[in-house]
């Protein structure tokens, strides 16, 4: 059985945006490879949910963070399947973003 994870609607939108960006900037092969790397990371997190780190400086929500390229996967590790909450570029102002929209699966 493959490791299980769920993508929040916002994480799905994040991945669509990332894929579209790389498709426009670097072509189909690069876009596919980037998205495949995220899928590999999601599977890793599903099998080892505690591998990520907490960021109490950013949020009090029970989420963990895992880096992939210049992005951060924000996920819940407290349930099975794990929940991929967001996939965000590391240059974003996460303090401001999480203040307006706390990182939750809903």
Protein backbone atom coordinates (compact mmCIF):
# COMPACT_ATOMS: atom_id res chain seq x y z
CA UNK A 1 0.00 0.00 0.00
CA UNK A 2 1.35 3.42 -0.98
CA UNK A 3 1.85 6.03 1.73
CA UNK A 4 -1.23 8.17 2.09
CA UNK A 5 -1.66 11.91 2.16
CA UNK A 6 -4.45 14.36 1.40
CA UNK A 7 -4.03 17.69 -0.35
CA UNK A 8 -6.10 20.61 0.92
CA UNK A 9 -7.90 22.65 -1.75
CA UNK A 10 -5.36 25.43 -1.16
CA UNK A 11 -2.42 23.02 -1.58
CA UNK A 12 -3.96 21.81 -4.85
CA UNK A 13 -4.17 25.42 -6.02
CA UNK A 14 -0.57 26.06 -4.89
CA UNK A 15 0.61 23.10 -6.99
CA UNK A 16 -1.39 24.26 -10.03
CA UNK A 17 0.19 27.70 -9.72
CA UNK A 18 3.70 26.26 -9.32
CA UNK A 19 3.21 23.91 -12.27
CA UNK A 20 1.91 26.73 -14.48
CA UNK A 21 4.83 28.96 -13.51
CA UNK A 22 7.45 26.33 -14.43
CA UNK A 23 5.59 25.38 -17.58
CA UNK A 24 5.68 29.00 -18.76
CA UNK A 25 9.24 29.71 -17.61
CA UNK A 26 11.06 26.44 -18.28
CA UNK A 27 8.83 24.07 -20.23
CA UNK A 28 6.84 20.91 -19.68
CA UNK A 29 9.74 18.68 -18.64
CA UNK A 30 10.90 21.00 -15.85
CA UNK A 31 7.32 21.56 -14.64
CA UNK A 32 6.75 17.79 -14.52
CA UNK A 33 10.04 17.18 -12.69
CA UNK A 34 9.29 19.87 -10.08
CA UNK A 35 5.81 18.46 -9.41
CA UNK A 36 7.23 14.94 -9.24
CA UNK A 37 9.69 16.08 -6.58
CA UNK A 38 6.79 17.40 -4.51
CA UNK A 39 5.01 14.05 -4.88
CA UNK A 40 8.15 12.27 -3.65
CA UNK A 41 8.29 14.60 -0.66
CA UNK A 42 4.60 14.00 0.13
CA UNK A 43 5.24 10.24 0.12
CA UNK A 44 8.26 10.67 2.40
CA UNK A 45 6.22 12.77 4.81
CA UNK A 46 3.42 10.18 4.77
CA UNK A 47 5.84 7.43 5.81
CA UNK A 48 7.82 9.60 8.28
CA UNK A 49 5.45 12.35 9.42
CA UNK A 50 7.69 13.62 12.23
CA UNK A 51 10.62 14.37 9.90
CA UNK A 52 9.52 17.99 9.39
CA UNK A 53 10.02 20.78 11.86
CA UNK A 54 7.65 23.06 13.72
CA UNK A 55 7.80 26.83 13.30
CA UNK A 56 6.26 28.29 16.43
CA UNK A 57 7.66 31.65 15.35
CA UNK A 58 5.23 31.54 12.41
CA UNK A 59 2.13 29.77 13.71
CA UNK A 60 0.63 28.07 16.72
CA UNK A 61 -1.28 25.69 14.44
CA UNK A 62 -0.18 22.04 14.79
CA UNK A 63 1.66 21.92 11.45
CA UNK A 64 5.14 20.98 10.36
CA UNK A 65 7.33 22.29 7.56
CA UNK A 66 9.49 20.46 5.03
CA UNK A 67 11.67 22.18 2.38
CA UNK A 68 11.68 21.21 -1.30
CA UNK A 69 13.75 23.45 -3.55
CA UNK A 70 12.82 27.02 -2.55
CA UNK A 71 9.41 25.94 -1.26
CA UNK A 72 8.01 24.87 2.08
CA UNK A 73 5.49 22.09 2.37
CA UNK A 74 3.19 22.85 5.29
CA UNK A 75 1.51 19.70 6.59
CA UNK A 76 -0.33 18.12 9.48
CA UNK A 77 1.27 15.05 10.98
CA UNK A 78 -1.26 14.25 13.68
CA UNK A 79 -3.62 12.10 11.61
CA UNK A 80 -3.47 9.43 8.96
CA UNK A 81 -3.46 10.17 6.19
CA UNK A 82 -1.35 13.25 6.75
CA UNK A 83 -2.67 16.51 5.34
CA UNK A 84 -0.71 18.69 2.96
CA UNK A 85 -1.97 22.15 3.91
CA UNK A 86 0.07 24.46 1.66
CA UNK A 87 3.08 24.50 -0.68
CA UNK A 88 4.60 27.97 -0.40
CA UNK A 89 7.65 29.69 -1.81
CA UNK A 90 10.13 30.47 0.96
CA UNK A 91 10.41 34.11 -0.08
CA UNK A 92 6.79 34.83 0.84
CA UNK A 93 5.99 36.76 3.98
CA UNK A 94 4.71 33.76 5.92
CA UNK A 95 4.07 35.77 9.11
CA UNK A 96 1.59 38.02 7.30
CA UNK A 97 0.08 35.17 5.28
CA UNK A 98 -0.52 32.95 8.32
CA UNK A 99 -1.88 35.87 10.32
CA UNK A 100 -4.58 36.35 7.67
CA UNK A 101 -5.02 32.66 6.81
CA UNK A 102 -3.84 30.21 9.49
CA UNK A 103 -2.47 27.01 7.94
CA UNK A 104 -5.31 24.49 8.31
CA UNK A 105 -6.62 21.63 6.18
CA UNK A 106 -9.99 23.29 5.59
